[in-house]
Amino acid sequence: MNTPTFRTCAFILTCLLALLVATSCAGNEARAKKAIEEYMKGQGTTNLTLDAYYPNQSGDRAYASATVTYNFANSSGEMQKEYLGFILAREGGGWRIERPAAYTTEKMKAETYLAGGK
């Protein structure tokens, strides 16, 4: 069982599994961003950047934070930006906004918000 062929196959299988997990997470982030974009539709946003994405262990809820740029300027003439946080709930193959939350990019705070804390 310690032949080079077995080790090569085991290595390739491990790499494929890691790739599958990575693409699954990236897909969930893209779906979370899409849910936030739909939620913000009609509010004059010109750009939305997903800053953080933390799913809970069961995968049925997640925390996401985003930086939103609007199509109007603040008092200093710069485009208005807002930093938002959201609790997301799994809905079918995507996400829906369950409720707004405080903004953070820290995993521990995101877990607190997911658990209902402030």
PDB file of N, CA and C in Angstrom:
ATOM      1  N   MET A   1       0.800  -1.202   0.000  1.00  0.00           N
ATOM      2  CA  MET A   1       0.000   0.000   0.000  1.00  0.00           C
ATOM      3  C   MET A   1       0.847   1.272   0.000  1.00  0.00           C
ATOM      4  N   ASN A   2       2.123   1.165   0.236  1.00  0.00           N
ATOM      5  CA  ASN A   2       2.978   2.343   0.266  1.00  0.00           C
ATOM      6  C   ASN A   2       3.680   2.554  -1.063  1.00  0.00           C
ATOM      7  N   THR A   3       3.073   2.114  -2.118  1.00  0.00           N
ATOM      8  CA  THR A   3       3.681   2.325  -3.427  1.00  0.00           C
ATOM      9  C   THR A   3       3.516   3.781  -3.836  1.00  0.00           C
ATOM     10  N   PRO A   4       4.396   4.247  -4.708  1.00  0.00           N
ATOM     11  CA  PRO A   4       4.278   5.639  -5.186  1.00  0.00           C
ATOM     12  C   PRO A   4       2.932   5.912  -5.854  1.00  0.00           C
ATOM     13  N   THR A   5       2.363   4.940  -6.532  1.00  0.00           N
ATOM     14  CA  THR A   5       1.080   5.128  -7.202  1.00  0.00           C
ATOM     15  C   THR A   5      -0.033   5.385  -6.187  1.00  0.00           C
ATOM     16  N   PHE A   6      -0.046   4.650  -5.096  1.00  0.00           N
ATOM     17  CA  PHE A   6      -1.063   4.845  -4.054  1.00  0.00           C
ATOM     18  C   PHE A   6      -0.931   6.233  -3.436  1.00  0.00           C
ATOM     19  N   ARG A   7       0.293   6.625  -3.134  1.00  0.00           N
ATOM     20  CA  ARG A   7       0.512   7.951  -2.536  1.00  0.00           C
ATOM     21  C   ARG A   7       0.113   9.061  -3.506  1.00  0.00           C
ATOM     22  N   THR A   8       0.401   8.866  -4.770  1.00  0.00           N
ATOM     23  CA  THR A   8       0.024   9.857  -5.775  1.00  0.00           C
ATOM     24  C   THR A   8      -1.488   9.979  -5.866  1.00  0.00           C
ATOM     25  N   CYS A   9      -2.171   8.841  -5.891  1.00  0.00           N
ATOM     26  CA  CYS A   9      -3.638   8.853  -5.949  1.00  0.00           C
ATOM     27  C   CYS A   9      -4.229   9.504  -4.697  1.00  0.00           C
ATOM     28  N   ALA A  10      -3.668   9.189  -3.545  1.00  0.00           N
ATOM     29  CA  ALA A  10      -4.149   9.790  -2.297  1.00  0.00           C
ATOM     30  C   ALA A  10      -3.937  11.293  -2.300  1.00  0.00           C
ATOM     31  N   PHE A  11      -2.807  11.746  -2.810  1.00  0.00           N
ATOM     32  CA  PHE A  11      -2.517  13.180  -2.888  1.00  0.00           C
ATOM     33  C   PHE A  11      -3.493  13.876  -3.830  1.00  0.00           C
ATOM     34  N   ILE A  12      -3.728  13.296  -4.983  1.00  0.00           N
ATOM     35  CA  ILE A  12      -4.649  13.878  -5.964  1.00  0.00           C
ATOM     36  C   ILE A  12      -6.061  13.933  -5.388  1.00  0.00           C
ATOM     37  N   LEU A  13      -6.488  12.889  -4.719  1.00  0.00           N
ATOM     38  CA  LEU A  13      -7.812  12.854  -4.105  1.00  0.00           C
ATOM     39  C   LEU A  13      -7.945  13.933  -3.028  1.00  0.00           C
ATOM     40  N   THR A  14      -6.921  14.115  -2.235  1.00  0.00           N
ATOM     41  CA  THR A  14      -6.929  15.156  -1.202  1.00  0.00           C
ATOM     42  C   THR A  14      -7.015  16.543  -1.831  1.00  0.00           C
ATOM     43  N   CYS A  15      -6.269  16.771  -2.889  1.00  0.00           N
ATOM     44  CA  CYS A  15      -6.303  18.068  -3.583  1.00  0.00           C
ATOM     45  C   CYS A  15      -7.678  18.334  -4.184  1.00  0.00           C
ATOM     46  N   LEU A  16      -8.282  17.327  -4.775  1.00  0.00           N
ATOM     47  CA  LEU A  16      -9.616  17.487  -5.353  1.00  0.00           C
ATOM     48  C   LEU A  16     -10.655  17.806  -4.281  1.00  0.00           C
ATOM     49  N   LEU A  17     -10.544  17.154  -3.138  1.00  0.00           N
ATOM     50  CA  LEU A  17     -11.462  17.414  -2.032  1.00  0.00           C
ATOM     51  C   LEU A  17     -11.291  18.847  -1.516  1.00  0.00           C
ATOM     52  N   ALA A  18     -10.063  19.310  -1.398  1.00  0.00           N
ATOM     53  CA  ALA A  18      -9.798  20.685  -0.953  1.00  0.00           C
ATOM     54  C   ALA A  18     -10.350  21.687  -1.968  1.00  0.00           C
ATOM     55  N   LEU A  19     -10.212  21.398  -3.237  1.00  0.00           N
ATOM     56  CA  LEU A  19     -10.739  22.273  -4.281  1.00  0.00           C
ATOM     57  C   LEU A  19     -12.264  22.332  -4.222  1.00  0.00           C
ATOM     58  N   LEU A  20     -12.890  21.208  -3.985  1.00  0.00           N
ATOM     59  CA  LEU A  20     -14.350  21.156  -3.870  1.00  0.00           C
ATOM     60  C   LEU A  20     -14.836  22.011  -2.703  1.00  0.00           C
ATOM     61  N   VAL A  21     -14.184  21.905  -1.558  1.00  0.00           N
ATOM     62  CA  VAL A  21     -14.551  22.696  -0.389  1.00  0.00           C
ATOM     63  C   VAL A  21     -14.345  24.180  -0.666  1.00  0.00           C
ATOM     64  N   ALA A  22     -13.247  24.545  -1.286  1.00  0.00           N
ATOM     65  CA  ALA A  22     -12.954  25.954  -1.579  1.00  0.00           C
ATOM     66  C   ALA A  22     -13.973  26.548  -2.537  1.00  0.00           C
ATOM     67  N   THR A  23     -14.337  25.821  -3.583  1.00  0.00           N
ATOM     68  CA  THR A  23     -15.305  26.351  -4.534  1.00  0.00           C
ATOM     69  C   THR A  23     -16.699  26.415  -3.938  1.00  0.00           C
ATOM     70  N   SER A  24     -17.024  25.516  -3.037  1.00  0.00           N
ATOM     71  CA  SER A  24     -18.318  25.553  -2.363  1.00  0.00           C
ATOM     72  C   SER A  24     -18.433  26.807  -1.508  1.00  0.00           C
ATOM     73  N   CYS A  25     -17.380  27.140  -0.756  1.00  0.00           N
ATOM     74  CA  CYS A  25     -17.383  28.340   0.075  1.00  0.00           C
ATOM     75  C   CYS A  25     -17.473  29.592  -0.781  1.00  0.00           C
ATOM     76  N   ALA A  26     -16.736  29.628  -1.881  1.00  0.00           N
ATOM     77  CA  ALA A  26     -16.773  30.786  -2.772  1.00  0.00           C
ATOM     78  C   ALA A  26     -18.164  30.952  -3.369  1.00  0.00           C
ATOM     79  N   GLY A  27     -18.823  29.851  -3.679  1.00  0.00           N
ATOM     80  CA  GLY A  27     -20.186  29.912  -4.220  1.00  0.00           C
ATOM     81  C   GLY A  27     -21.160  30.460  -3.198  1.00  0.00           C
ATOM     82  N   ASN A  28     -21.007  30.067  -1.947  1.00  0.00           N
ATOM     83  CA  ASN A  28     -21.876  30.585  -0.889  1.00  0.00           C
ATOM     84  C   ASN A  28     -21.661  32.080  -0.695  1.00  0.00           C
ATOM     85  N   GLU A  29     -20.422  32.529  -0.762  1.00  0.00           N
ATOM     86  CA  GLU A  29     -20.140  33.964  -0.635  1.00  0.00           C
ATOM     87  C   GLU A  29     -20.781  34.738  -1.772  1.00  0.00           C
ATOM     88  N   ALA A  30     -20.701  34.210  -2.982  1.00  0.00           N
ATOM     89  CA  ALA A  30     -21.305  34.881  -4.140  1.00  0.00           C
ATOM     90  C   ALA A  30     -22.819  34.958  -3.983  1.00  0.00           C
ATOM     91  N   ARG A  31     -23.438  33.892  -3.483  1.00  0.00           N
ATOM     92  CA  ARG A  31     -24.887  33.892  -3.264  1.00  0.00           C
ATOM     93  C   ARG A  31     -25.270  34.855  -2.140  1.00  0.00           C
ATOM     94  N   ALA A  32     -24.421  34.962  -1.113  1.00  0.00           N
ATOM     95  CA  ALA A  32     -24.675  35.912  -0.024  1.00  0.00           C
ATOM     96  C   ALA A  32     -24.599  37.339  -0.561  1.00  0.00           C
ATOM     97  N   LYS A  33     -23.605  37.628  -1.387  1.00  0.00           N
ATOM     98  CA  LYS A  33     -23.473  38.966  -1.977  1.00  0.00           C
ATOM     99  C   LYS A  33     -24.691  39.288  -2.839  1.00  0.00           C
ATOM    100  N   LYS A  34     -25.168  38.309  -3.584  1.00  0.00           N
ATOM    101  CA  LYS A  34     -26.344  38.518  -4.437  1.00  0.00           C
ATOM    102  C   LYS A  34     -27.572  38.843  -3.584  1.00  0.00           C
ATOM    103  N   ALA A  35     -27.739  38.171  -2.449  1.00  0.00           N
ATOM    104  CA  ALA A  35     -28.879  38.440  -1.557  1.00  0.00           C
ATOM    105  C   ALA A  35     -28.813  39.868  -1.020  1.00  0.00           C
ATOM    106  N   ILE A  36     -27.605  40.325  -0.666  1.00  0.00           N
ATOM    107  CA  ILE A  36     -27.443  41.692  -0.165  1.00  0.00           C
ATOM    108  C   ILE A  36     -27.710  42.693  -1.278  1.00  0.00           C
ATOM    109  N   GLU A  37     -27.233  42.408  -2.486  1.00  0.00           N
ATOM    110  CA  GLU A  37     -27.492  43.303  -3.617  1.00  0.00           C
ATOM    111  C   GLU A  37     -28.987  43.432  -3.883  1.00  0.00           C
ATOM    112  N   GLU A  38     -29.718  42.316  -3.804  1.00  0.00           N
ATOM    113  CA  GLU A  38     -31.169  42.353  -3.988  1.00  0.00           C
ATOM    114  C   GLU A  38     -31.836  43.178  -2.888  1.00  0.00           C
ATOM    115  N   TYR A  39     -31.366  43.029  -1.658  1.00  0.00           N
ATOM    116  CA  TYR A  39     -31.898  43.769  -0.522  1.00  0.00           C
ATOM    117  C   TYR A  39     -31.668  45.268  -0.693  1.00  0.00           C
ATOM    118  N   MET A  40     -30.530  45.650  -1.260  1.00  0.00           N
ATOM    119  CA  MET A  40     -30.158  47.055  -1.423  1.00  0.00           C
ATOM    120  C   MET A  40     -30.678  47.658  -2.734  1.00  0.00           C
ATOM    121  N   LYS A  41     -31.296  46.839  -3.588  1.00  0.00           N
ATOM    122  CA  LYS A  41     -31.779  47.316  -4.884  1.00  0.00           C
ATOM    123  C   LYS A  41     -32.750  48.484  -4.673  1.00  0.00           C
ATOM    124  N   GLY A  42     -32.615  49.499  -5.484  1.00  0.00           N
ATOM    125  CA  GLY A  42     -33.498  50.659  -5.405  1.00  0.00           C
ATOM    126  C   GLY A  42     -33.060  51.689  -4.373  1.00  0.00           C
ATOM    127  N   GLN A  43     -31.909  51.480  -3.748  1.00  0.00           N
ATOM    128  CA  GLN A  43     -31.432  52.426  -2.739  1.00  0.00           C
ATOM    129  C   GLN A  43     -30.273  53.271  -3.245  1.00  0.00           C
ATOM    130  N   GLY A  44     -30.044  53.242  -4.547  1.00  0.00           N
ATOM    131  CA  GLY A  44     -29.019  54.102  -5.144  1.00  0.00           C
ATOM    132  C   GLY A  44     -27.597  53.620  -4.946  1.00  0.00           C
ATOM    133  N   THR A  45     -27.385  52.321  -4.835  1.00  0.00           N
ATOM    134  CA  THR A  45     -26.024  51.811  -4.657  1.00  0.00           C
ATOM    135  C   THR A  45     -25.315  51.723  -6.004  1.00  0.00           C
ATOM    136  N   THR A  46     -24.036  52.084  -6.004  1.00  0.00           N
ATOM    137  CA  THR A  46     -23.225  51.959  -7.212  1.00  0.00           C
ATOM    138  C   THR A  46     -22.193  50.845  -7.085  1.00  0.00           C
ATOM    139  N   ASN A  47     -21.858  50.470  -5.848  1.00  0.00           N
ATOM    140  CA  ASN A  47     -20.872  49.420  -5.633  1.00  0.00           C
ATOM    141  C   ASN A  47     -21.145  48.748  -4.289  1.00  0.00           C
ATOM    142  N   LEU A  48     -20.986  47.448  -4.261  1.00  0.00           N
ATOM    143  CA  LEU A  48     -21.133  46.682  -3.033  1.00  0.00           C
ATOM    144  C   LEU A  48     -19.972  45.706  -2.952  1.00  0.00           C
ATOM    145  N   THR A  49     -19.217  45.794  -1.856  1.00  0.00           N
ATOM    146  CA  THR A  49     -18.081  44.898  -1.636  1.00  0.00           C
ATOM    147  C   THR A  49     -18.359  44.057  -0.407  1.00  0.00           C
ATOM    148  N   LEU A  50     -18.294  42.745  -0.551  1.00  0.00           N
ATOM    149  CA  LEU A  50     -18.470  41.842   0.585  1.00  0.00           C
ATOM    150  C   LEU A  50     -17.167  41.837   1.381  1.00  0.00           C
ATOM    151  N   ASP A  51     -17.227  42.301   2.630  1.00  0.00           N
ATOM    152  CA  ASP A  51     -16.027  42.410   3.465  1.00  0.00           C
ATOM    153  C   ASP A  51     -15.760  41.157   4.289  1.00  0.00           C
ATOM    154  N   ALA A  52     -16.818  40.478   4.722  1.00  0.00           N
ATOM    155  CA  ALA A  52     -16.657  39.274   5.543  1.00  0.00           C
ATOM    156  C   ALA A  52     -17.845  38.352   5.319  1.00  0.00           C
ATOM    157  N   TYR A  53     -17.601  37.058   5.443  1.00  0.00           N
ATOM    158  CA  TYR A  53     -18.649  36.043   5.317  1.00  0.00           C
ATOM    159  C   TYR A  53     -18.298  34.916   6.270  1.00  0.00           C
ATOM    160  N   TYR A  54     -19.173  34.681   7.243  1.00  0.00           N
ATOM    161  CA  TYR A  54     -18.942  33.626   8.236  1.00  0.00           C
ATOM    162  C   TYR A  54     -20.202  32.784   8.391  1.00  0.00           C
ATOM    163  N   PRO A  55     -20.230  31.569   7.851  1.00  0.00           N
ATOM    164  CA  PRO A  55     -21.392  30.695   8.067  1.00  0.00           C
ATOM    165  C   PRO A  55     -21.332  30.065   9.459  1.00  0.00           C
ATOM    166  N   ASN A  56     -22.506  29.692   9.994  1.00  0.00           N
ATOM    167  CA  ASN A  56     -22.485  28.969  11.262  1.00  0.00           C
ATOM    168  C   ASN A  56     -22.126  27.505  10.982  1.00  0.00           C
ATOM    169  N   GLN A  57     -21.954  26.721  12.043  1.00  0.00           N
ATOM    170  CA  GLN A  57     -21.476  25.338  11.863  1.00  0.00           C
ATOM    171  C   GLN A  57     -22.466  24.469  11.104  1.00  0.00           C
ATOM    172  N   SER A  58     -23.761  24.680  11.294  1.00  0.00           N
ATOM    173  CA  SER A  58     -24.747  23.849  10.607  1.00  0.00           C
ATOM    174  C   SER A  58     -24.968  24.286   9.159  1.00  0.00           C
ATOM    175  N   GLY A  59     -24.516  25.503   8.817  1.00  0.00           N
ATOM    176  CA  GLY A  59     -24.619  25.974   7.444  1.00  0.00           C
ATOM    177  C   GLY A  59     -25.967  26.542   7.066  1.00  0.00           C
ATOM    178  N   ASP A  60     -26.897  26.670   8.022  1.00  0.00           N
ATOM    179  CA  ASP A  60     -28.224  27.192   7.698  1.00  0.00           C
ATOM    180  C   ASP A  60     -28.346  28.700   7.910  1.00  0.00           C
ATOM    181  N   ARG A  61     -27.355  29.314   8.549  1.00  0.00           N
ATOM    182  CA  ARG A  61     -27.326  30.759   8.763  1.00  0.00           C
ATOM    183  C   ARG A  61     -25.893  31.246   8.565  1.00  0.00           C
ATOM    184  N   ALA A  62     -25.765  32.541   8.295  1.00  0.00           N
ATOM    185  CA  ALA A  62     -24.430  33.114   8.097  1.00  0.00           C
ATOM    186  C   ALA A  62     -24.470  34.597   8.438  1.00  0.00           C
ATOM    187  N   TYR A  63     -23.292  35.132   8.747  1.00  0.00           N
ATOM    188  CA  TYR A  63     -23.119  36.569   8.939  1.00  0.00           C
ATOM    189  C   TYR A  63     -22.330  37.086   7.754  1.00  0.00           C
ATOM    190  N   ALA A  64     -22.743  38.217   7.219  1.00  0.00           N
ATOM    191  CA  ALA A  64     -21.996  38.852   6.131  1.00  0.00           C
ATOM    192  C   ALA A  64     -21.946  40.353   6.388  1.00  0.00           C
ATOM    193  N   SER A  65     -20.799  40.952   6.102  1.00  0.00           N
ATOM    194  CA  SER A  65     -20.680  42.408   6.185  1.00  0.00           C
ATOM    195  C   SER A  65     -20.262  42.929   4.823  1.00  0.00           C
ATOM    196  N   ALA A  66     -20.713  44.159   4.534  1.00  0.00           N
ATOM    197  CA  ALA A  66     -20.459  44.735   3.215  1.00  0.00           C
ATOM    198  C   ALA A  66     -20.223  46.229   3.322  1.00  0.00           C
ATOM    199  N   THR A  67     -19.428  46.737   2.393  1.00  0.00           N
ATOM    200  CA  THR A  67     -19.258  48.173   2.219  1.00  0.00           C
ATOM    201  C   THR A  67     -20.069  48.561   0.998  1.00  0.00           C
ATOM    202  N   VAL A  68     -20.993  49.497   1.196  1.00  0.00           N
ATOM    203  CA  VAL A  68     -21.892  49.926   0.131  1.00  0.00           C
ATOM    204  C   VAL A  68     -21.547  51.366  -0.251  1.00  0.00           C
ATOM    205  N   THR A  69     -21.389  51.618  -1.538  1.00  0.00           N
ATOM    206  CA  THR A  69     -21.155  52.968  -2.047  1.00  0.00           C
ATOM    207  C   THR A  69     -22.428  53.415  -2.765  1.00  0.00           C
ATOM    208  N   TYR A  70     -22.886  54.610  -2.414  1.00  0.00           N
ATOM    209  CA  TYR A  70     -24.115  55.152  -2.997  1.00  0.00           C
ATOM    210  C   TYR A  70     -23.788  56.114  -4.133  1.00  0.00           C
ATOM    211  N   ASN A  71     -24.812  56.466  -4.908  1.00  0.00           N
ATOM    212  CA  ASN A  71     -24.616  57.351  -6.062  1.00  0.00           C
ATOM    213  C   ASN A  71     -24.792  58.827  -5.709  1.00  0.00           C
ATOM    214  N   PHE A  72     -24.542  59.183  -4.454  1.00  0.00           N
ATOM    215  CA  PHE A  72     -24.567  60.582  -4.053  1.00  0.00           C
ATOM    216  C   PHE A  72     -23.378  60.855  -3.147  1.00  0.00           C
ATOM    217  N   ALA A  73     -22.997  62.120  -3.071  1.00  0.00           N
ATOM    218  CA  ALA A  73     -21.790  62.502  -2.342  1.00  0.00           C
ATOM    219  C   ALA A  73     -22.116  62.966  -0.930  1.00  0.00           C
ATOM    220  N   ASN A  74     -21.118  62.871  -0.057  1.00  0.00           N
ATOM    221  CA  ASN A  74     -21.258  63.412   1.299  1.00  0.00           C
ATOM    222  C   ASN A  74     -20.866  64.892   1.274  1.00  0.00           C
ATOM    223  N   SER A  75     -20.789  65.524   2.434  1.00  0.00           N
ATOM    224  CA  SER A  75     -20.522  66.972   2.492  1.00  0.00           C
ATOM    225  C   SER A  75     -19.136  67.348   1.977  1.00  0.00           C
ATOM    226  N   SER A  76     -18.183  66.412   1.959  1.00  0.00           N
ATOM    227  CA  SER A  76     -16.855  66.729   1.425  1.00  0.00           C
ATOM    228  C   SER A  76     -16.704  66.373  -0.047  1.00  0.00           C
ATOM    229  N   GLY A  77     -17.792  65.991  -0.696  1.00  0.00           N
ATOM    230  CA  GLY A  77     -17.756  65.715  -2.126  1.00  0.00           C
ATOM    231  C   GLY A  77     -17.362  64.299  -2.497  1.00  0.00           C
ATOM    232  N   GLU A  78     -17.125  63.433  -1.511  1.00  0.00           N
ATOM    233  CA  GLU A  78     -16.775  62.037  -1.791  1.00  0.00           C
ATOM    234  C   GLU A  78     -18.054  61.203  -1.838  1.00  0.00           C
ATOM    235  N   MET A  79     -18.004  60.143  -2.619  1.00  0.00           N
ATOM    236  CA  MET A  79     -19.175  59.266  -2.701  1.00  0.00           C
ATOM    237  C   MET A  79     -19.478  58.705  -1.311  1.00  0.00           C
ATOM    238  N   GLN A  80     -20.752  58.704  -0.957  1.00  0.00           N
ATOM    239  CA  GLN A  80     -21.190  58.250   0.367  1.00  0.00           C
ATOM    240  C   GLN A  80     -20.989  56.741   0.489  1.00  0.00           C
ATOM    241  N   LYS A  81     -20.373  56.315   1.592  1.00  0.00           N
ATOM    242  CA  LYS A  81     -20.177  54.884   1.871  1.00  0.00           C
ATOM    243  C   LYS A  81     -20.853  54.540   3.186  1.00  0.00           C
ATOM    244  N   GLU A  82     -21.302  53.301   3.260  1.00  0.00           N
ATOM    245  CA  GLU A  82     -21.924  52.810   4.487  1.00  0.00           C
ATOM    246  C   GLU A  82     -21.411  51.393   4.723  1.00  0.00           C
ATOM    247  N   TYR A  83     -21.193  51.076   5.989  1.00  0.00           N
ATOM    248  CA  TYR A  83     -20.694  49.753   6.376  1.00  0.00           C
ATOM    249  C   TYR A  83     -21.829  49.020   7.070  1.00  0.00           C
ATOM    250  N   LEU A  84     -22.280  47.914   6.454  1.00  0.00           N
ATOM    251  CA  LEU A  84     -23.476  47.206   6.921  1.00  0.00           C
ATOM    252  C   LEU A  84     -23.165  45.759   7.261  1.00  0.00           C
ATOM    253  N   GLY A  85     -23.930  45.212   8.198  1.00  0.00           N
ATOM    254  CA  GLY A  85     -23.833  43.810   8.546  1.00  0.00           C
ATOM    255  C   GLY A  85     -25.196  43.160   8.416  1.00  0.00           C
ATOM    256  N   PHE A  86     -25.209  41.862   8.122  1.00  0.00           N
ATOM    257  CA  PHE A  86     -26.457  41.138   7.912  1.00  0.00           C
ATOM    258  C   PHE A  86     -26.375  39.731   8.474  1.00  0.00           C
ATOM    259  N   ILE A  87     -27.505  39.268   9.002  1.00  0.00           N
ATOM    260  CA  ILE A  87     -27.667  37.856   9.341  1.00  0.00           C
ATOM    261  C   ILE A  87     -28.466  37.261   8.186  1.00  0.00           C
ATOM    262  N   LEU A  88     -27.922  36.212   7.595  1.00  0.00           N
ATOM    263  CA  LEU A  88     -28.545  35.559   6.450  1.00  0.00           C
ATOM    264  C   LEU A  88     -29.090  34.198   6.856  1.00  0.00           C
ATOM    265  N   ALA A  89     -30.179  33.795   6.233  1.00  0.00           N
ATOM    266  CA  ALA A  89     -30.755  32.469   6.460  1.00  0.00           C
ATOM    267  C   ALA A  89     -30.790  31.729   5.126  1.00  0.00           C
ATOM    268  N   ARG A  90     -30.511  30.431   5.172  1.00  0.00           N
ATOM    269  CA  ARG A  90     -30.511  29.616   3.962  1.00  0.00           C
ATOM    270  C   ARG A  90     -31.938  29.542   3.423  1.00  0.00           C
ATOM    271  N   GLU A  91     -32.065  29.742   2.121  1.00  0.00           N
ATOM    272  CA  GLU A  91     -33.367  29.621   1.467  1.00  0.00           C
ATOM    273  C   GLU A  91     -33.164  28.947   0.122  1.00  0.00           C
ATOM    274  N   GLY A  92     -33.575  27.712   0.028  1.00  0.00           N
ATOM    275  CA  GLY A  92     -33.346  26.947  -1.195  1.00  0.00           C
ATOM    276  C   GLY A  92     -31.857  26.790  -1.436  1.00  0.00           C
ATOM    277  N   GLY A  93     -31.396  27.189  -2.621  1.00  0.00           N
ATOM    278  CA  GLY A  93     -29.974  27.107  -2.947  1.00  0.00           C
ATOM    279  C   GLY A  93     -29.228  28.398  -2.674  1.00  0.00           C
ATOM    280  N   GLY A  94     -29.905  29.385  -2.085  1.00  0.00           N
ATOM    281  CA  GLY A  94     -29.265  30.676  -1.852  1.00  0.00           C
ATOM    282  C   GLY A  94     -29.477  31.167  -0.437  1.00  0.00           C
ATOM    283  N   TRP A  95     -29.460  32.482  -0.282  1.00  0.00           N
ATOM    284  CA  TRP A  95     -29.599  33.119   1.019  1.00  0.00           C
ATOM    285  C   TRP A  95     -30.673  34.197   0.953  1.00  0.00           C
ATOM    286  N   ARG A  96     -31.266  34.500   2.099  1.00  0.00           N
ATOM    287  CA  ARG A  96     -32.161  35.645   2.232  1.00  0.00           C
ATOM    288  C   ARG A  96     -31.722  36.418   3.463  1.00  0.00           C
ATOM    289  N   ILE A  97     -31.975  37.721   3.479  1.00  0.00           N
ATOM    290  CA  ILE A  97     -31.631  38.548   4.632  1.00  0.00           C
ATOM    291  C   ILE A  97     -32.642  38.263   5.736  1.00  0.00           C
ATOM    292  N   GLU A  98     -32.149  37.761   6.858  1.00  0.00           N
ATOM    293  CA  GLU A  98     -33.009  37.511   8.011  1.00  0.00           C
ATOM    294  C   GLU A  98     -33.214  38.801   8.793  1.00  0.00           C
ATOM    295  N   ARG A  99     -32.105  39.535   9.006  1.00  0.00           N
ATOM    296  CA  ARG A  99     -32.188  40.819   9.705  1.00  0.00           C
ATOM    297  C   ARG A  99     -30.851  41.546   9.556  1.00  0.00           C
ATOM    298  N   PRO A 100     -30.904  42.890   9.667  1.00  0.00           N
ATOM    299  CA  PRO A 100     -29.652  43.648   9.696  1.00  0.00           C
ATOM    300  C   PRO A 100     -28.918  43.400  11.016  1.00  0.00           C
ATOM    301  N   ALA A 101     -27.631  43.612  11.021  1.00  0.00           N
ATOM    302  CA  ALA A 101     -26.815  43.438  12.229  1.00  0.00           C
ATOM    303  C   ALA A 101     -25.719  44.496  12.213  1.00  0.00           C
ATOM    304  N   ALA A 102     -24.998  44.600  13.297  1.00  0.00           N
ATOM    305  CA  ALA A 102     -23.869  45.536  13.364  1.00  0.00           C
ATOM    306  C   ALA A 102     -22.768  45.064  12.415  1.00  0.00           C
ATOM    307  N   TYR A 103     -21.965  46.015  11.959  1.00  0.00           N
ATOM    308  CA  TYR A 103     -20.874  45.724  11.027  1.00  0.00           C
ATOM    309  C   TYR A 103     -19.649  45.219  11.787  1.00  0.00           C
ATOM    310  N   THR A 104     -19.048  44.159  11.285  1.00  0.00           N
ATOM    311  CA  THR A 104     -17.765  43.678  11.788  1.00  0.00           C
ATOM    312  C   THR A 104     -17.099  42.836  10.713  1.00  0.00           C
ATOM    313  N   THR A 105     -15.786  42.716  10.828  1.00  0.00           N
ATOM    314  CA  THR A 105     -15.048  41.770   9.984  1.00  0.00           C
ATOM    315  C   THR A 105     -14.383  40.718  10.856  1.00  0.00           C
ATOM    316  N   GLU A 106     -14.644  40.763  12.168  1.00  0.00           N
ATOM    317  CA  GLU A 106     -14.040  39.824  13.111  1.00  0.00           C
ATOM    318  C   GLU A 106     -14.938  38.597  13.288  1.00  0.00           C
ATOM    319  N   LYS A 107     -14.323  37.430  13.203  1.00  0.00           N
ATOM    320  CA  LYS A 107     -15.075  36.182  13.279  1.00  0.00           C
ATOM    321  C   LYS A 107     -15.785  36.013  14.621  1.00  0.00           C
ATOM    322  N   MET A 108     -15.127  36.351  15.722  1.00  0.00           N
ATOM    323  CA  MET A 108     -15.743  36.167  17.051  1.00  0.00           C
ATOM    324  C   MET A 108     -16.993  37.037  17.212  1.00  0.00           C
ATOM    325  N   LYS A 109     -16.932  38.282  16.761  1.00  0.00           N
ATOM    326  CA  LYS A 109     -18.103  39.151  16.841  1.00  0.00           C
ATOM    327  C   LYS A 109     -19.216  38.642  15.932  1.00  0.00           C
ATOM    328  N   ALA A 110     -18.853  38.163  14.740  1.00  0.00           N
ATOM    329  CA  ALA A 110     -19.849  37.623  13.813  1.00  0.00           C
ATOM    330  C   ALA A 110     -20.574  36.428  14.437  1.00  0.00           C
ATOM    331  N   GLU A 111     -19.828  35.565  15.142  1.00  0.00           N
ATOM    332  CA  GLU A 111     -20.442  34.426  15.811  1.00  0.00           C
ATOM    333  C   GLU A 111     -21.386  34.885  16.919  1.00  0.00           C
ATOM    334  N   THR A 112     -21.020  35.964  17.614  1.00  0.00           N
ATOM    335  CA  THR A 112     -21.890  36.522  18.647  1.00  0.00           C
ATOM    336  C   THR A 112     -23.189  37.030  18.027  1.00  0.00           C
ATOM    337  N   TYR A 113     -23.084  37.740  16.917  1.00  0.00           N
ATOM    338  CA  TYR A 113     -24.280  38.251  16.230  1.00  0.00           C
ATOM    339  C   TYR A 113     -25.156  37.106  15.726  1.00  0.00           C
ATOM    340  N   LEU A 114     -24.530  36.053  15.224  1.00  0.00           N
ATOM    341  CA  LEU A 114     -25.293  34.894  14.754  1.00  0.00           C
ATOM    342  C   LEU A 114     -26.052  34.232  15.899  1.00  0.00           C
ATOM    343  N   ALA A 115     -25.455  34.268  17.103  1.00  0.00           N
ATOM    344  CA  ALA A 115     -26.086  33.655  18.278  1.00  0.00           C
ATOM    345  C   ALA A 115     -27.157  34.576  18.888  1.00  0.00           C
ATOM    346  N   GLY A 116     -27.321  35.775  18.329  1.00  0.00           N
ATOM    347  CA  GLY A 116     -28.348  36.688  18.837  1.00  0.00           C
ATOM    348  C   GLY A 116     -27.822  37.766  19.758  1.00  0.00           C
ATOM    349  N   GLY A 117     -26.518  37.780  20.004  1.00  0.00           N
ATOM    350  CA  GLY A 117     -25.929  38.778  20.878  1.00  0.00           C
ATOM    351  C   GLY A 117     -25.703  40.103  20.184  1.00  0.00           C
ATOM    352  N   LYS A 118     -25.302  41.085  20.996  1.00  0.00           N
ATOM    353  CA  LYS A 118     -25.028  42.429  20.449  1.00  0.00           C
ATOM    354  C   LYS A 118     -23.558  42.758  20.542  1.00  0.00           C
TER     355      LYS A 118
END
